[in-house]
Amino acid sequence: MLSETVLFREVQRFRQWWLWLIVLSAPGVCVYALIQQMVFDEPFGDEPVSDAGLIVITIAFGLTLPLLFYVINLTTEVRRDGLYVRYFPFHPRFHRIAFDTISRYEARTYSPLKEFGGWGIRWGKASKAYNVSGNHGVQLEFKNGKKLLIGSQRADEFARAMETAIKASLRIGP
C-alpha cells in the first residue's frame, strides 16, 4: 500500500541534560520535603501542607512530571500520501497533513526562544511549532495562510523526503 511507504521517519525526545536537571529538581525537593516532614517530624516551609498533601504533591511532581518528560516524543513521518506528525502523549494518533494543503515548505534554522518562547507545542507570532530540541526544522506554509514549523535534527533530509513524496503524489494523482 502506498500510504504505508515511509520515506522519512524521525523520533525526537527531550534528552537535554539541562532540561533533565530542571525536571529532576522537582522530585529532589519533594523527597527532601517528605523526609524532613514525615521522617524527622519537621514541617517543610512556612506554611506546610499536611502529610497526605505532601504525598500527593510528591507523586504529582516527583513521579508524574519526570515520567511525562520521559515519554514525550515528536514523531515525524513523510509517507507517499502525506506528512504524518504525532506529539505523544498529546496526540495519541498521527495527524495527517495532506500535501495538497501545503503551498510551500523549506528547511530552515530558527530561534526557538525568540520565535516561539521555547520548545514543545508552541504558538509564535505568525506560526505554530512542534519542536523538542535544537534550532532546525521544516517550515510549512499552508494554502489557507497558516504556518507550522516542525523541528528536526535532520531538517534537510526531511525537506528532501517531502520533495520526493510530493513529486511522486503528482505523478500518481488522486
Protein backbone atom coordinates (compact mmCIF):
# COMPACT_ATOMS: atom_id res chain seq x y z
CA MET A 1 0.00 0.00 0.00
CA LEU A 2 1.42 3.39 -1.00
CA SER A 3 0.40 5.21 2.18
CA GLU A 4 2.48 2.73 4.19
CA THR A 5 5.71 3.64 2.36
CA VAL A 6 7.73 5.76 4.77
CA LEU A 7 10.31 7.95 3.04
CA PHE A 8 11.47 9.72 6.19
CA ARG A 9 10.98 8.97 9.88
CA GLU A 10 12.36 10.79 12.89
CA VAL A 11 11.58 10.29 16.55
CA GLN A 12 12.81 13.02 18.89
CA ARG A 13 12.74 13.03 22.68
CA PHE A 14 13.55 15.51 25.41
CA ARG A 15 17.05 14.33 26.35
CA GLN A 16 18.84 17.63 27.03
CA TRP A 17 20.89 17.41 30.24
CA TRP A 18 19.92 20.92 31.37
CA LEU A 19 16.19 20.15 30.98
CA TRP A 20 16.55 16.95 32.99
CA LEU A 21 18.40 18.89 35.69
CA ILE A 22 15.33 21.15 35.99
CA VAL A 23 12.79 18.30 35.72
CA LEU A 24 14.58 16.15 38.30
CA SER A 25 14.96 19.02 40.75
CA ALA A 26 11.20 18.77 41.47
CA PRO A 27 11.41 15.16 42.73
CA GLY A 28 14.54 16.08 44.69
CA VAL A 29 12.74 18.86 46.54
CA CYS A 30 9.65 16.67 47.03
CA VAL A 31 11.66 13.78 48.51
CA TYR A 32 13.59 16.18 50.73
CA ALA A 33 10.33 17.73 51.99
CA LEU A 34 8.78 14.29 52.51
CA ILE A 35 11.75 13.05 54.55
CA GLN A 36 12.00 16.25 56.58
CA GLN A 37 8.30 16.36 57.40
CA MET A 38 7.40 12.69 57.73
CA VAL A 39 10.62 11.07 58.97
CA PHE A 40 12.15 13.87 61.06
CA ASP A 41 8.77 15.41 62.01
CA GLU A 42 9.96 18.88 60.97
CA PRO A 43 7.36 20.87 58.95
CA PHE A 44 8.60 21.81 55.50
CA GLY A 45 8.22 25.52 54.73
CA ASP A 46 6.48 28.40 56.48
CA GLU A 47 3.00 27.06 55.71
CA PRO A 48 3.46 23.30 55.46
CA VAL A 49 0.85 21.11 53.82
CA SER A 50 -0.46 18.01 55.51
CA ASP A 51 1.44 14.74 55.18
CA ALA A 52 -1.25 13.44 52.81
CA GLY A 53 -0.98 16.62 50.72
CA LEU A 54 2.80 16.24 50.61
CA ILE A 55 2.44 12.65 49.39
CA VAL A 56 0.08 13.81 46.61
CA ILE A 57 2.47 16.59 45.61
CA THR A 58 5.40 14.15 45.62
CA ILE A 59 3.51 11.74 43.37
CA ALA A 60 2.39 14.55 41.03
CA PHE A 61 5.71 16.33 40.70
CA GLY A 62 8.16 13.69 41.85
CA LEU A 63 6.91 10.83 39.69
CA THR A 64 4.44 12.07 37.11
CA LEU A 65 6.40 15.08 35.80
CA PRO A 66 9.64 13.15 35.11
CA LEU A 67 7.65 10.25 33.64
CA LEU A 68 5.79 12.67 31.34
CA PHE A 69 9.06 14.19 30.10
CA TYR A 70 10.48 10.72 29.57
CA VAL A 71 7.59 9.54 27.36
CA ILE A 72 7.03 12.73 25.37
CA ASN A 73 8.21 12.34 21.82
CA LEU A 74 7.77 14.01 18.47
CA THR A 75 7.46 11.54 15.60
CA THR A 76 7.52 12.83 12.05
CA GLU A 77 6.96 10.65 9.00
CA VAL A 78 6.89 11.56 5.35
CA ARG A 79 4.82 8.99 3.51
CA ARG A 80 3.70 8.88 -0.10
CA ASP A 81 0.22 10.13 0.82
CA GLY A 82 1.14 12.93 3.23
CA LEU A 83 3.10 14.19 6.17
CA TYR A 84 2.32 12.50 9.48
CA VAL A 85 3.08 14.15 12.82
CA ARG A 86 2.46 12.89 16.34
CA TYR A 87 3.46 14.69 19.53
CA PHE A 88 2.88 11.88 22.01
CA PRO A 89 1.11 11.79 24.51
CA PHE A 90 -0.75 14.94 23.48
CA HIS A 91 -1.55 13.45 20.08
CA PRO A 92 -2.22 9.74 20.67
CA ARG A 93 -2.55 9.16 16.92
CA PHE A 94 -0.74 10.59 13.94
CA HIS A 95 -2.14 13.77 12.42
CA ARG A 96 -2.01 13.56 8.63
CA ILE A 97 -1.20 16.68 6.63
CA ALA A 98 -2.17 16.22 3.00
CA PHE A 99 0.39 17.51 0.53
CA ASP A 100 -2.28 19.38 -1.45
CA THR A 101 -2.87 21.66 1.58
CA ILE A 102 0.77 22.81 1.62
CA SER A 103 1.72 25.74 -0.60
CA ARG A 104 5.38 25.96 0.41
CA TYR A 105 7.94 24.27 2.67
CA GLU A 106 11.60 24.78 3.47
CA ALA A 107 14.28 23.52 5.83
CA ARG A 108 15.43 26.39 8.00
CA THR A 109 17.21 27.47 11.14
CA TYR A 110 15.08 29.27 13.70
CA SER A 111 15.28 30.63 17.22
CA PRO A 112 13.03 28.54 19.50
CA LEU A 113 13.15 31.07 22.32
CA LYS A 114 12.72 34.24 20.25
CA GLU A 115 10.17 32.91 17.77
CA PHE A 116 8.14 30.53 19.95
CA GLY A 117 9.17 31.07 23.57
CA GLY A 118 10.80 27.64 23.86
CA TRP A 119 10.22 24.02 22.94
CA GLY A 120 7.09 21.87 22.91
CA ILE A 121 3.82 22.61 21.16
CA ARG A 122 4.22 26.36 20.79
CA TRP A 123 2.47 29.29 19.19
CA GLY A 124 4.51 32.17 17.85
CA LYS A 125 3.55 35.50 16.29
CA ALA A 126 2.50 34.05 12.95
CA SER A 127 3.12 30.34 13.27
CA LYS A 128 2.73 27.21 15.35
CA ALA A 129 5.65 24.90 16.16
CA TYR A 130 6.20 21.32 17.23
CA ASN A 131 9.74 21.06 18.49
CA VAL A 132 11.75 19.09 21.01
CA SER A 133 15.32 20.31 20.76
CA GLY A 134 17.71 22.24 18.61
CA ASN A 135 17.04 25.07 16.20
CA HIS A 136 16.45 23.37 12.85
CA GLY A 137 13.19 22.34 11.26
CA VAL A 138 10.94 22.40 8.25
CA GLN A 139 8.61 25.38 7.91
CA LEU A 140 5.29 24.56 6.24
CA GLU A 141 3.09 27.25 4.76
CA PHE A 142 -0.46 26.18 4.01
CA LYS A 143 -2.75 27.38 1.26
CA ASN A 144 -5.02 28.93 3.94
CA GLY A 145 -2.13 31.17 5.07
CA LYS A 146 -1.31 29.32 8.30
CA LYS A 147 2.21 28.16 9.11
CA LEU A 148 3.62 25.21 11.03
CA LEU A 149 7.25 24.64 11.91
CA ILE A 150 8.24 21.05 12.68
CA GLY A 151 11.54 20.79 14.49
CA SER A 152 14.01 18.25 13.17
CA GLN A 153 17.57 17.18 13.81
CA ARG A 154 17.67 16.20 10.11
CA ALA A 155 15.80 19.09 8.50
CA ASP A 156 17.48 18.90 5.09
CA GLU A 157 16.75 15.17 4.78
CA PHE A 158 13.16 15.84 5.92
CA ALA A 159 12.70 18.52 3.22
CA ARG A 160 14.19 16.25 0.53
CA ALA A 161 11.77 13.48 1.52
CA MET A 162 8.91 15.98 1.27
CA GLU A 163 10.05 16.92 -2.24
CA THR A 164 10.26 13.26 -3.30
CA ALA A 165 6.84 12.42 -1.85
CA ILE A 166 5.13 15.48 -3.34
CA LYS A 167 6.59 14.79 -6.80
CA ALA A 168 5.51 11.14 -6.55
CA SER A 169 1.97 12.13 -5.47
CA LEU A 170 1.67 14.44 -8.50
CA ARG A 171 2.59 11.57 -10.83
CA ILE A 172 0.14 9.17 -9.20
CA GLY A 173 -2.76 11.62 -8.90
CA PRO A 174 -5.80 11.33 -6.63
